[in-house]
Amino acid sequence: METKSSAQYIASDPAICHGEPTFRALHAPPVADVLEQVESGMAYEAISEEWRYALTRDAIAEAARASHLLPEESDINETEWLQAAAANPAFDFLKDPEEDVYTLSDGEPFYDGG
């Protein structure tokens, strides 16, 4: 059976996952599963952790580019990724008044010296 390589980290093999694209080194998880996590706004680090650190940031980014979620020339830096995550509607619950558990009467603001 022939393995088709579509990228550095992604391959398709008819004997693995019915030929669906998978991450080459693992032959699992299916790329589609990881793309669902990316589309939901999950951070690279969280995705990597979920797959027991077997997927690198580069492998996840390649999958996103290959699926046209990111333009080919895109190289998302950490700040852009954090801004996208902050705008994710999954975190809208933090804007609810009941989530605002701190007030000025709680004391002085914390500064970490940075």
PDB file of N, CA and C in Angstrom:
ATOM      1  N   MET A   1       0.832  -1.185   0.000  1.00  0.00           N
ATOM      2  CA  MET A   1       0.000   0.000   0.000  1.00  0.00           C
ATOM      3  C   MET A   1       0.871   1.241   0.000  1.00  0.00           C
ATOM      4  N   GLU A   2       0.464   2.208  -0.761  1.00  0.00           N
ATOM      5  CA  GLU A   2       1.254   3.417  -0.920  1.00  0.00           C
ATOM      6  C   GLU A   2       0.833   4.491   0.074  1.00  0.00           C
ATOM      7  N   THR A   3       1.836   5.061   0.697  1.00  0.00           N
ATOM      8  CA  THR A   3       1.581   6.171   1.608  1.00  0.00           C
ATOM      9  C   THR A   3       1.759   7.465   0.837  1.00  0.00           C
ATOM     10  N   LYS A   4       0.747   8.311   0.854  1.00  0.00           N
ATOM     11  CA  LYS A   4       0.840   9.603   0.187  1.00  0.00           C
ATOM     12  C   LYS A   4       1.220  10.645   1.215  1.00  0.00           C
ATOM     13  N   SER A   5       2.243  11.396   0.895  1.00  0.00           N
ATOM     14  CA  SER A   5       2.692  12.452   1.785  1.00  0.00           C
ATOM     15  C   SER A   5       2.209  13.781   1.250  1.00  0.00           C
ATOM     16  N   SER A   6       1.469  14.507   2.069  1.00  0.00           N
ATOM     17  CA  SER A   6       0.977  15.797   1.628  1.00  0.00           C
ATOM     18  C   SER A   6       1.747  16.941   2.262  1.00  0.00           C
ATOM     19  N   ALA A   7       2.611  16.639   3.211  1.00  0.00           N
ATOM     20  CA  ALA A   7       3.347  17.683   3.902  1.00  0.00           C
ATOM     21  C   ALA A   7       4.425  17.042   4.765  1.00  0.00           C
ATOM     22  N   GLN A   8       5.182  17.878   5.448  1.00  0.00           N
ATOM     23  CA  GLN A   8       6.263  17.369   6.289  1.00  0.00           C
ATOM     24  C   GLN A   8       5.734  16.511   7.440  1.00  0.00           C
ATOM     25  N   TYR A   9       4.627  16.908   8.042  1.00  0.00           N
ATOM     26  CA  TYR A   9       4.116  16.220   9.217  1.00  0.00           C
ATOM     27  C   TYR A   9       2.882  15.373   8.957  1.00  0.00           C
ATOM     28  N   ILE A  10       2.304  15.484   7.781  1.00  0.00           N
ATOM     29  CA  ILE A  10       1.020  14.840   7.494  1.00  0.00           C
ATOM     30  C   ILE A  10       1.189  13.827   6.370  1.00  0.00           C
ATOM     31  N   ALA A  11       0.525  12.667   6.494  1.00  0.00           N
ATOM     32  CA  ALA A  11       0.548  11.646   5.460  1.00  0.00           C
ATOM     33  C   ALA A  11      -0.803  10.947   5.414  1.00  0.00           C
ATOM     34  N   SER A  12      -1.070  10.289   4.286  1.00  0.00           N
ATOM     35  CA  SER A  12      -2.275   9.482   4.126  1.00  0.00           C
ATOM     36  C   SER A  12      -1.849   8.089   3.713  1.00  0.00           C
ATOM     37  N   ASP A  13      -2.382   7.093   4.389  1.00  0.00           N
ATOM     38  CA  ASP A  13      -2.070   5.702   4.078  1.00  0.00           C
ATOM     39  C   ASP A  13      -3.395   4.949   4.095  1.00  0.00           C
ATOM     40  N   PRO A  14      -3.725   4.267   3.011  1.00  0.00           N
ATOM     41  CA  PRO A  14      -5.002   3.549   2.959  1.00  0.00           C
ATOM     42  C   PRO A  14      -5.176   2.532   4.098  1.00  0.00           C
ATOM     43  N   ALA A  15      -4.084   2.071   4.668  1.00  0.00           N
ATOM     44  CA  ALA A  15      -4.160   1.084   5.747  1.00  0.00           C
ATOM     45  C   ALA A  15      -4.367   1.721   7.117  1.00  0.00           C
ATOM     46  N   ILE A  16      -4.298   3.043   7.187  1.00  0.00           N
ATOM     47  CA  ILE A  16      -4.414   3.730   8.476  1.00  0.00           C
ATOM     48  C   ILE A  16      -5.556   4.732   8.400  1.00  0.00           C
ATOM     49  N   CYS A  17      -6.489   4.619   9.311  1.00  0.00           N
ATOM     50  CA  CYS A  17      -7.635   5.540   9.390  1.00  0.00           C
ATOM     51  C   CYS A  17      -8.352   5.669   8.048  1.00  0.00           C
ATOM     52  N   HIS A  18      -8.488   4.561   7.331  1.00  0.00           N
ATOM     53  CA  HIS A  18      -9.196   4.529   6.046  1.00  0.00           C
ATOM     54  C   HIS A  18      -8.653   5.545   5.050  1.00  0.00           C
ATOM     55  N   GLY A  19      -7.360   5.839   5.153  1.00  0.00           N
ATOM     56  CA  GLY A  19      -6.717   6.753   4.217  1.00  0.00           C
ATOM     57  C   GLY A  19      -6.883   8.225   4.549  1.00  0.00           C
ATOM     58  N   GLU A  20      -7.548   8.516   5.639  1.00  0.00           N
ATOM     59  CA  GLU A  20      -7.685   9.915   6.053  1.00  0.00           C
ATOM     60  C   GLU A  20      -6.317  10.454   6.452  1.00  0.00           C
ATOM     61  N   PRO A  21      -6.056  11.742   6.239  1.00  0.00           N
ATOM     62  CA  PRO A  21      -4.762  12.313   6.640  1.00  0.00           C
ATOM     63  C   PRO A  21      -4.529  12.162   8.147  1.00  0.00           C
ATOM     64  N   THR A  22      -3.327  11.735   8.485  1.00  0.00           N
ATOM     65  CA  THR A  22      -2.917  11.604   9.883  1.00  0.00           C
ATOM     66  C   THR A  22      -1.551  12.254  10.037  1.00  0.00           C
ATOM     67  N   PHE A  23      -1.142  12.426  11.260  1.00  0.00           N
ATOM     68  CA  PHE A  23       0.182  12.975  11.507  1.00  0.00           C
ATOM     69  C   PHE A  23       1.190  11.863  11.295  1.00  0.00           C
ATOM     70  N   ARG A  24       2.170  12.126  10.448  1.00  0.00           N
ATOM     71  CA  ARG A  24       3.099  11.127   9.948  1.00  0.00           C
ATOM     72  C   ARG A  24       3.788  10.307  11.041  1.00  0.00           C
ATOM     73  N   ALA A  25       4.357  10.938  12.020  1.00  0.00           N
ATOM     74  CA  ALA A  25       5.125  10.219  13.038  1.00  0.00           C
ATOM     75  C   ALA A  25       4.234   9.297  13.862  1.00  0.00           C
ATOM     76  N   LEU A  26       2.983   9.646  14.005  1.00  0.00           N
ATOM     77  CA  LEU A  26       2.092   8.880  14.868  1.00  0.00           C
ATOM     78  C   LEU A  26       1.134   7.986  14.103  1.00  0.00           C
ATOM     79  N   HIS A  27       0.839   8.353  12.864  1.00  0.00           N
ATOM     80  CA  HIS A  27      -0.242   7.740  12.087  1.00  0.00           C
ATOM     81  C   HIS A  27      -1.554   7.881  12.842  1.00  0.00           C
ATOM     82  N   ALA A  28      -1.566   8.779  13.757  1.00  0.00           N
ATOM     83  CA  ALA A  28      -2.753   9.135  14.533  1.00  0.00           C
ATOM     84  C   ALA A  28      -2.337  10.340  15.342  1.00  0.00           C
ATOM     85  N   PRO A  29      -3.127  11.203  15.721  1.00  0.00           N
ATOM     86  CA  PRO A  29      -4.567  11.229  15.508  1.00  0.00           C
ATOM     87  C   PRO A  29      -4.887  11.706  14.102  1.00  0.00           C
ATOM     88  N   PRO A  30      -6.123  11.449  13.663  1.00  0.00           N
ATOM     89  CA  PRO A  30      -6.511  11.994  12.369  1.00  0.00           C
ATOM     90  C   PRO A  30      -6.389  13.512  12.394  1.00  0.00           C
ATOM     91  N   VAL A  31      -5.919  14.076  11.310  1.00  0.00           N
ATOM     92  CA  VAL A  31      -5.750  15.521  11.208  1.00  0.00           C
ATOM     93  C   VAL A  31      -7.080  16.220  11.468  1.00  0.00           C
ATOM     94  N   ALA A  32      -8.175  15.645  11.002  1.00  0.00           N
ATOM     95  CA  ALA A  32      -9.498  16.265  11.179  1.00  0.00           C
ATOM     96  C   ALA A  32      -9.824  16.480  12.655  1.00  0.00           C
ATOM     97  N   ASP A  33      -9.427  15.549  13.522  1.00  0.00           N
ATOM     98  CA  ASP A  33      -9.696  15.697  14.958  1.00  0.00           C
ATOM     99  C   ASP A  33      -8.957  16.899  15.536  1.00  0.00           C
ATOM    100  N   VAL A  34      -7.721  17.067  15.126  1.00  0.00           N
ATOM    101  CA  VAL A  34      -6.921  18.187  15.615  1.00  0.00           C
ATOM    102  C   VAL A  34      -7.443  19.504  15.042  1.00  0.00           C
ATOM    103  N   LEU A  35      -7.871  19.486  13.784  1.00  0.00           N
ATOM    104  CA  LEU A  35      -8.414  20.710  13.182  1.00  0.00           C
ATOM    105  C   LEU A  35      -9.685  21.163  13.888  1.00  0.00           C
ATOM    106  N   GLU A  36     -10.487  20.235  14.361  1.00  0.00           N
ATOM    107  CA  GLU A  36     -11.673  20.614  15.144  1.00  0.00           C
ATOM    108  C   GLU A  36     -11.252  21.370  16.398  1.00  0.00           C
ATOM    109  N   GLN A  37     -10.169  20.932  17.019  1.00  0.00           N
ATOM    110  CA  GLN A  37      -9.676  21.621  18.210  1.00  0.00           C
ATOM    111  C   GLN A  37      -9.162  23.011  17.857  1.00  0.00           C
ATOM    112  N   VAL A  38      -8.455  23.130  16.736  1.00  0.00           N
ATOM    113  CA  VAL A  38      -7.949  24.435  16.302  1.00  0.00           C
ATOM    114  C   VAL A  38      -9.120  25.365  16.007  1.00  0.00           C
ATOM    115  N   GLU A  39     -10.111  24.868  15.270  1.00  0.00           N
ATOM    116  CA  GLU A  39     -11.271  25.685  14.909  1.00  0.00           C
ATOM    117  C   GLU A  39     -12.050  26.143  16.140  1.00  0.00           C
ATOM    118  N   SER A  40     -12.028  25.346  17.204  1.00  0.00           N
ATOM    119  CA  SER A  40     -12.761  25.715  18.418  1.00  0.00           C
ATOM    120  C   SER A  40     -12.023  26.785  19.217  1.00  0.00           C
ATOM    121  N   GLY A  41     -10.780  27.092  18.799  1.00  0.00           N
ATOM    122  CA  GLY A  41     -10.015  28.127  19.494  1.00  0.00           C
ATOM    123  C   GLY A  41      -9.062  27.587  20.538  1.00  0.00           C
ATOM    124  N   MET A  42      -8.888  26.290  20.577  1.00  0.00           N
ATOM    125  CA  MET A  42      -7.995  25.676  21.552  1.00  0.00           C
ATOM    126  C   MET A  42      -6.552  26.086  21.264  1.00  0.00           C
ATOM    127  N   ALA A  43      -5.789  26.406  22.280  1.00  0.00           N
ATOM    128  CA  ALA A  43      -4.393  26.835  22.138  1.00  0.00           C
ATOM    129  C   ALA A  43      -3.514  25.660  21.695  1.00  0.00           C
ATOM    130  N   TYR A  44      -2.450  25.999  20.957  1.00  0.00           N
ATOM    131  CA  TYR A  44      -1.503  24.968  20.522  1.00  0.00           C
ATOM    132  C   TYR A  44      -1.037  24.112  21.699  1.00  0.00           C
ATOM    133  N   GLU A  45      -0.687  24.758  22.786  1.00  0.00           N
ATOM    134  CA  GLU A  45      -0.155  24.028  23.936  1.00  0.00           C
ATOM    135  C   GLU A  45      -1.177  23.046  24.493  1.00  0.00           C
ATOM    136  N   ALA A  46      -2.433  23.446  24.535  1.00  0.00           N
ATOM    137  CA  ALA A  46      -3.487  22.576  25.045  1.00  0.00           C
ATOM    138  C   ALA A  46      -3.721  21.400  24.106  1.00  0.00           C
ATOM    139  N   ILE A  47      -3.648  21.659  22.801  1.00  0.00           N
ATOM    140  CA  ILE A  47      -3.818  20.569  21.832  1.00  0.00           C
ATOM    141  C   ILE A  47      -2.676  19.574  21.984  1.00  0.00           C
ATOM    142  N   SER A  48      -1.463  20.090  22.072  1.00  0.00           N
ATOM    143  CA  SER A  48      -0.298  19.222  22.235  1.00  0.00           C
ATOM    144  C   SER A  48      -0.419  18.383  23.505  1.00  0.00           C
ATOM    145  N   GLU A  49      -0.834  19.029  24.585  1.00  0.00           N
ATOM    146  CA  GLU A  49      -0.994  18.310  25.857  1.00  0.00           C
ATOM    147  C   GLU A  49      -2.059  17.220  25.734  1.00  0.00           C
ATOM    148  N   GLU A  50      -3.150  17.537  25.058  1.00  0.00           N
ATOM    149  CA  GLU A  50      -4.233  16.566  24.889  1.00  0.00           C
ATOM    150  C   GLU A  50      -3.753  15.312  24.162  1.00  0.00           C
ATOM    151  N   TRP A  51      -2.808  15.489  23.229  1.00  0.00           N
ATOM    152  CA  TRP A  51      -2.280  14.355  22.468  1.00  0.00           C
ATOM    153  C   TRP A  51      -0.946  13.888  23.055  1.00  0.00           C
ATOM    154  N   ARG A  52      -0.783  14.075  24.346  1.00  0.00           N
ATOM    155  CA  ARG A  52       0.390  13.608  25.107  1.00  0.00           C
ATOM    156  C   ARG A  52       1.705  14.117  24.540  1.00  0.00           C
ATOM    157  N   TYR A  53       1.690  15.367  24.110  1.00  0.00           N
ATOM    158  CA  TYR A  53       2.870  16.075  23.615  1.00  0.00           C
ATOM    159  C   TYR A  53       3.504  15.421  22.390  1.00  0.00           C
ATOM    160  N   ALA A  54       2.746  14.587  21.689  1.00  0.00           N
ATOM    161  CA  ALA A  54       3.271  13.948  20.483  1.00  0.00           C
ATOM    162  C   ALA A  54       3.189  14.872  19.276  1.00  0.00           C
ATOM    163  N   LEU A  55       2.357  15.917  19.363  1.00  0.00           N
ATOM    164  CA  LEU A  55       2.225  16.867  18.260  1.00  0.00           C
ATOM    165  C   LEU A  55       2.947  18.160  18.607  1.00  0.00           C
ATOM    166  N   THR A  56       3.766  18.606  17.693  1.00  0.00           N
ATOM    167  CA  THR A  56       4.477  19.866  17.904  1.00  0.00           C
ATOM    168  C   THR A  56       3.628  21.019  17.386  1.00  0.00           C
ATOM    169  N   ARG A  57       4.009  22.213  17.791  1.00  0.00           N
ATOM    170  CA  ARG A  57       3.341  23.425  17.302  1.00  0.00           C
ATOM    171  C   ARG A  57       3.428  23.492  15.777  1.00  0.00           C
ATOM    172  N   ASP A  58       4.591  23.131  15.217  1.00  0.00           N
ATOM    173  CA  ASP A  58       4.771  23.157  13.767  1.00  0.00           C
ATOM    174  C   ASP A  58       3.841  22.167  13.062  1.00  0.00           C
ATOM    175  N   ALA A  59       3.658  20.990  13.642  1.00  0.00           N
ATOM    176  CA  ALA A  59       2.771  19.996  13.038  1.00  0.00           C
ATOM    177  C   ALA A  59       1.324  20.479  13.047  1.00  0.00           C
ATOM    178  N   ILE A  60       0.901  21.081  14.144  1.00  0.00           N
ATOM    179  CA  ILE A  60      -0.465  21.602  14.249  1.00  0.00           C
ATOM    180  C   ILE A  60      -0.660  22.765  13.270  1.00  0.00           C
ATOM    181  N   ALA A  61       0.326  23.651  13.197  1.00  0.00           N
ATOM    182  CA  ALA A  61       0.240  24.784  12.279  1.00  0.00           C
ATOM    183  C   ALA A  61       0.194  24.311  10.830  1.00  0.00           C
ATOM    184  N   GLU A  62       0.975  23.290  10.504  1.00  0.00           N
ATOM    185  CA  GLU A  62       0.955  22.756   9.147  1.00  0.00           C
ATOM    186  C   GLU A  62      -0.423  22.201   8.801  1.00  0.00           C
ATOM    187  N   ALA A  63      -1.034  21.515   9.741  1.00  0.00           N
ATOM    188  CA  ALA A  63      -2.378  20.980   9.512  1.00  0.00           C
ATOM    189  C   ALA A  63      -3.372  22.114   9.281  1.00  0.00           C
ATOM    190  N   ALA A  64      -3.256  23.177  10.051  1.00  0.00           N
ATOM    191  CA  ALA A  64      -4.156  24.320   9.890  1.00  0.00           C
ATOM    192  C   ALA A  64      -3.942  24.986   8.532  1.00  0.00           C
ATOM    193  N   ARG A  65      -2.685  25.164   8.134  1.00  0.00           N
ATOM    194  CA  ARG A  65      -2.403  25.762   6.821  1.00  0.00           C
ATOM    195  C   ARG A  65      -2.915  24.866   5.695  1.00  0.00           C
ATOM    196  N   ALA A  66      -2.711  23.566   5.835  1.00  0.00           N
ATOM    197  CA  ALA A  66      -3.131  22.626   4.801  1.00  0.00           C
ATOM    198  C   ALA A  66      -4.647  22.625   4.630  1.00  0.00           C
ATOM    199  N   SER A  67      -5.357  22.945   5.679  1.00  0.00           N
ATOM    200  CA  SER A  67      -6.813  22.949   5.599  1.00  0.00           C
ATOM    201  C   SER A  67      -7.352  24.320   5.213  1.00  0.00           C
ATOM    202  N   HIS A  68      -6.463  25.245   4.927  1.00  0.00           N
ATOM    203  CA  HIS A  68      -6.821  26.608   4.539  1.00  0.00           C
ATOM    204  C   HIS A  68      -7.383  27.423   5.686  1.00  0.00           C
ATOM    205  N   LEU A  69      -7.160  26.962   6.913  1.00  0.00           N
ATOM    206  CA  LEU A  69      -7.546  27.781   8.058  1.00  0.00           C
ATOM    207  C   LEU A  69      -6.596  28.959   8.192  1.00  0.00           C
ATOM    208  N   LEU A  70      -5.343  28.746   7.787  1.00  0.00           N
ATOM    209  CA  LEU A  70      -4.345  29.803   7.819  1.00  0.00           C
ATOM    210  C   LEU A  70      -3.765  29.960   6.427  1.00  0.00           C
ATOM    211  N   PRO A  71      -3.501  31.183   5.997  1.00  0.00           N
ATOM    212  CA  PRO A  71      -2.822  31.350   4.717  1.00  0.00           C
ATOM    213  C   PRO A  71      -1.424  30.743   4.763  1.00  0.00           C
ATOM    214  N   GLU A  72      -0.921  30.289   3.649  1.00  0.00           N
ATOM    215  CA  GLU A  72       0.386  29.626   3.580  1.00  0.00           C
ATOM    216  C   GLU A  72       1.500  30.469   4.165  1.00  0.00           C
ATOM    217  N   GLU A  73       1.484  31.769   3.900  1.00  0.00           N
ATOM    218  CA  GLU A  73       2.566  32.626   4.379  1.00  0.00           C
ATOM    219  C   GLU A  73       2.420  32.990   5.849  1.00  0.00           C
ATOM    220  N   SER A  74       1.355  32.564   6.466  1.00  0.00           N
ATOM    221  CA  SER A  74       1.094  32.948   7.852  1.00  0.00           C
ATOM    222  C   SER A  74       2.034  32.228   8.818  1.00  0.00           C
ATOM    223  N   ASP A  75       2.585  32.987   9.716  1.00  0.00           N
ATOM    224  CA  ASP A  75       3.365  32.431  10.805  1.00  0.00           C
ATOM    225  C   ASP A  75       2.886  33.147  12.057  1.00  0.00           C
ATOM    226  N   ILE A  76       1.941  32.552  12.726  1.00  0.00           N
ATOM    227  CA  ILE A  76       1.309  33.215  13.862  1.00  0.00           C
ATOM    228  C   ILE A  76       2.296  33.272  15.020  1.00  0.00           C
ATOM    229  N   ASN A  77       2.518  34.480  15.508  1.00  0.00           N
ATOM    230  CA  ASN A  77       3.375  34.599  16.682  1.00  0.00           C
ATOM    231  C   ASN A  77       2.515  34.466  17.937  1.00  0.00           C
ATOM    232  N   GLU A  78       3.148  34.387  19.059  1.00  0.00           N
ATOM    233  CA  GLU A  78       2.454  34.143  20.319  1.00  0.00           C
ATOM    234  C   GLU A  78       1.420  35.229  20.623  1.00  0.00           C
ATOM    235  N   THR A  79       1.751  36.484  20.349  1.00  0.00           N
ATOM    236  CA  THR A  79       0.832  37.584  20.626  1.00  0.00           C
ATOM    237  C   THR A  79      -0.433  37.459  19.785  1.00  0.00           C
ATOM    238  N   GLU A  80      -0.279  37.152  18.498  1.00  0.00           N
ATOM    239  CA  GLU A  80      -1.443  36.986  17.630  1.00  0.00           C
ATOM    240  C   GLU A  80      -2.314  35.828  18.102  1.00  0.00           C
ATOM    241  N   TRP A  81      -1.674  34.743  18.504  1.00  0.00           N
ATOM    242  CA  TRP A  81      -2.417  33.569  18.978  1.00  0.00           C
ATOM    243  C   TRP A  81      -3.200  33.920  20.246  1.00  0.00           C
ATOM    244  N   LEU A  82      -2.566  34.620  21.175  1.00  0.00           N
ATOM    245  CA  LEU A  82      -3.244  35.002  22.410  1.00  0.00           C
ATOM    246  C   LEU A  82      -4.403  35.954  22.143  1.00  0.00           C
ATOM    247  N   GLN A  83      -4.224  36.886  21.208  1.00  0.00           N
ATOM    248  CA  GLN A  83      -5.311  37.800  20.870  1.00  0.00           C
ATOM    249  C   GLN A  83      -6.485  37.042  20.256  1.00  0.00           C
ATOM    250  N   ALA A  84      -6.194  36.069  19.412  1.00  0.00           N
ATOM    251  CA  ALA A  84      -7.261  35.262  18.825  1.00  0.00           C
ATOM    252  C   ALA A  84      -7.974  34.451  19.895  1.00  0.00           C
ATOM    253  N   ALA A  85      -7.213  33.887  20.828  1.00  0.00           N
ATOM    254  CA  ALA A  85      -7.828  33.118  21.915  1.00  0.00           C
ATOM    255  C   ALA A  85      -8.673  34.012  22.807  1.00  0.00           C
ATOM    256  N   ALA A  86      -8.198  35.234  23.070  1.00  0.00           N
ATOM    257  CA  ALA A  86      -8.949  36.165  23.918  1.00  0.00           C
ATOM    258  C   ALA A  86     -10.257  36.583  23.265  1.00  0.00           C
ATOM    259  N   ALA A  87     -10.299  36.595  21.953  1.00  0.00           N
ATOM    260  CA  ALA A  87     -11.519  36.974  21.240  1.00  0.00           C
ATOM    261  C   ALA A  87     -12.454  35.783  21.031  1.00  0.00           C
ATOM    262  N   ASN A  88     -12.026  34.597  21.429  1.00  0.00           N
ATOM    263  CA  ASN A  88     -12.824  33.394  21.246  1.00  0.00           C
ATOM    264  C   ASN A  88     -14.078  33.462  22.115  1.00  0.00           C
ATOM    265  N   PRO A  89     -15.244  33.225  21.534  1.00  0.00           N
ATOM    266  CA  PRO A  89     -16.486  33.294  22.316  1.00  0.00           C
ATOM    267  C   PRO A  89     -16.566  32.251  23.431  1.00  0.00           C
ATOM    268  N   ALA A  90     -15.691  31.267  23.418  1.00  0.00           N
ATOM    269  CA  ALA A  90     -15.705  30.260  24.486  1.00  0.00           C
ATOM    270  C   ALA A  90     -15.404  30.875  25.846  1.00  0.00           C
ATOM    271  N   PHE A  91     -14.767  32.062  25.848  1.00  0.00           N
ATOM    272  CA  PHE A  91     -14.410  32.707  27.102  1.00  0.00           C
ATOM    273  C   PHE A  91     -15.345  33.855  27.469  1.00  0.00           C
ATOM    274  N   ASP A  92     -16.440  34.017  26.726  1.00  0.00           N
ATOM    275  CA  ASP A  92     -17.384  35.099  26.998  1.00  0.00           C
ATOM    276  C   ASP A  92     -17.971  35.028  28.405  1.00  0.00           C
ATOM    277  N   PHE A  93     -18.038  33.830  28.981  1.00  0.00           N
ATOM    278  CA  PHE A  93     -18.601  33.694  30.322  1.00  0.00           C
ATOM    279  C   PHE A  93     -17.808  34.508  31.346  1.00  0.00           C
ATOM    280  N   LEU A  94     -16.541  34.792  31.065  1.00  0.00           N
ATOM    281  CA  LEU A  94     -15.730  35.565  32.005  1.00  0.00           C
ATOM    282  C   LEU A  94     -16.187  37.014  32.111  1.00  0.00           C
ATOM    283  N   LYS A  95     -16.983  37.464  31.155  1.00  0.00           N
ATOM    284  CA  LYS A  95     -17.509  38.827  31.180  1.00  0.00           C
ATOM    285  C   LYS A  95     -18.764  38.947  32.040  1.00  0.00           C
ATOM    286  N   ASP A  96     -19.326  37.817  32.467  1.00  0.00           N
ATOM    287  CA  ASP A  96     -20.534  37.834  33.291  1.00  0.00           C
ATOM    288  C   ASP A  96     -20.233  38.448  34.649  1.00  0.00           C
ATOM    289  N   PRO A  97     -21.148  39.276  35.167  1.00  0.00           N
ATOM    290  CA  PRO A  97     -20.926  39.926  36.465  1.00  0.00           C
ATOM    291  C   PRO A  97     -20.646  38.939  37.593  1.00  0.00           C
ATOM    292  N   GLU A  98     -21.267  37.769  37.563  1.00  0.00           N
ATOM    293  CA  GLU A  98     -21.020  36.797  38.639  1.00  0.00           C
ATOM    294  C   GLU A  98     -19.606  36.222  38.614  1.00  0.00           C
ATOM    295  N   GLU A  99     -18.912  36.363  37.483  1.00  0.00           N
ATOM    296  CA  GLU A  99     -17.523  35.921  37.391  1.00  0.00           C
ATOM    297  C   GLU A  99     -16.550  36.974  37.914  1.00  0.00           C
ATOM    298  N   ASP A 100     -17.015  38.194  38.080  1.00  0.00           N
ATOM    299  CA  ASP A 100     -16.171  39.281  38.574  1.00  0.00           C
ATOM    300  C   ASP A 100     -16.125  39.196  40.098  1.00  0.00           C
ATOM    301  N   VAL A 101     -15.225  38.370  40.599  1.00  0.00           N
ATOM    302  CA  VAL A 101     -15.183  38.101  42.038  1.00  0.00           C
ATOM    303  C   VAL A 101     -14.241  39.027  42.801  1.00  0.00           C
ATOM    304  N   TYR A 102     -13.546  39.884  42.099  1.00  0.00           N
ATOM    305  CA  TYR A 102     -12.620  40.791  42.758  1.00  0.00           C
ATOM    306  C   TYR A 102     -13.131  42.227  42.673  1.00  0.00           C
ATOM    307  N   THR A 103     -12.945  42.952  43.749  1.00  0.00           N
ATOM    308  CA  THR A 103     -13.310  44.365  43.771  1.00  0.00           C
ATOM    309  C   THR A 103     -12.129  45.161  44.301  1.00  0.00           C
ATOM    310  N   LEU A 104     -12.224  46.478  44.220  1.00  0.00           N
ATOM    311  CA  LEU A 104     -11.157  47.323  44.748  1.00  0.00           C
ATOM    312  C   LEU A 104     -11.003  47.143  46.250  1.00  0.00           C
ATOM    313  N   SER A 105     -12.083  46.766  46.938  1.00  0.00           N
ATOM    314  CA  SER A 105     -11.995  46.571  48.386  1.00  0.00           C
ATOM    315  C   SER A 105     -11.228  45.303  48.762  1.00  0.00           C
ATOM    316  N   ASP A 106     -10.866  44.477  47.782  1.00  0.00           N
ATOM    317  CA  ASP A 106     -10.110  43.254  48.056  1.00  0.00           C
ATOM    318  C   ASP A 106      -8.672  43.543  48.452  1.00  0.00           C
ATOM    319  N   GLY A 107      -8.204  44.716  48.172  1.00  0.00           N
ATOM    320  CA  GLY A 107      -6.822  45.037  48.501  1.00  0.00           C
ATOM    321  C   GLY A 107      -6.094  45.639  47.329  1.00  0.00           C
ATOM    322  N   GLU A 108      -4.820  45.705  47.469  1.00  0.00           N
ATOM    323  CA  GLU A 108      -3.981  46.314  46.453  1.00  0.00           C
ATOM    324  C   GLU A 108      -3.834  45.370  45.259  1.00  0.00           C
ATOM    325  N   PRO A 109      -3.706  45.934  44.080  1.00  0.00           N
ATOM    326  CA  PRO A 109      -3.464  45.089  42.904  1.00  0.00           C
ATOM    327  C   PRO A 109      -2.122  44.365  43.032  1.00  0.00           C
ATOM    328  N   PHE A 110      -2.075  43.204  42.437  1.00  0.00           N
ATOM    329  CA  PHE A 110      -0.848  42.415  42.469  1.00  0.00           C
ATOM    330  C   PHE A 110      -0.002  42.774  41.255  1.00  0.00           C
ATOM    331  N   TYR A 111       1.252  43.058  41.491  1.00  0.00           N
ATOM    332  CA  TYR A 111       2.204  43.296  40.408  1.00  0.00           C
ATOM    333  C   TYR A 111       3.351  42.329  40.585  1.00  0.00           C
ATOM    334  N   ASP A 112       3.678  41.625  39.523  1.00  0.00           N
ATOM    335  CA  ASP A 112       4.737  40.607  39.624  1.00  0.00           C
ATOM    336  C   ASP A 112       6.119  41.154  39.339  1.00  0.00           C
ATOM    337  N   GLY A 113       6.225  42.453  39.188  1.00  0.00           N
ATOM    338  CA  GLY A 113       7.535  43.060  38.978  1.00  0.00           C
ATOM    339  C   GLY A 113       7.985  43.024  37.529  1.00  0.00           C
ATOM    340  N   GLY A 114       7.134  42.515  36.641  1.00  0.00           N
ATOM    341  CA  GLY A 114       7.527  42.388  35.233  1.00  0.00           C
ATOM    342  C   GLY A 114       7.113  43.476  34.399  1.00  0.00           C
TER     343      GLY A 114
END
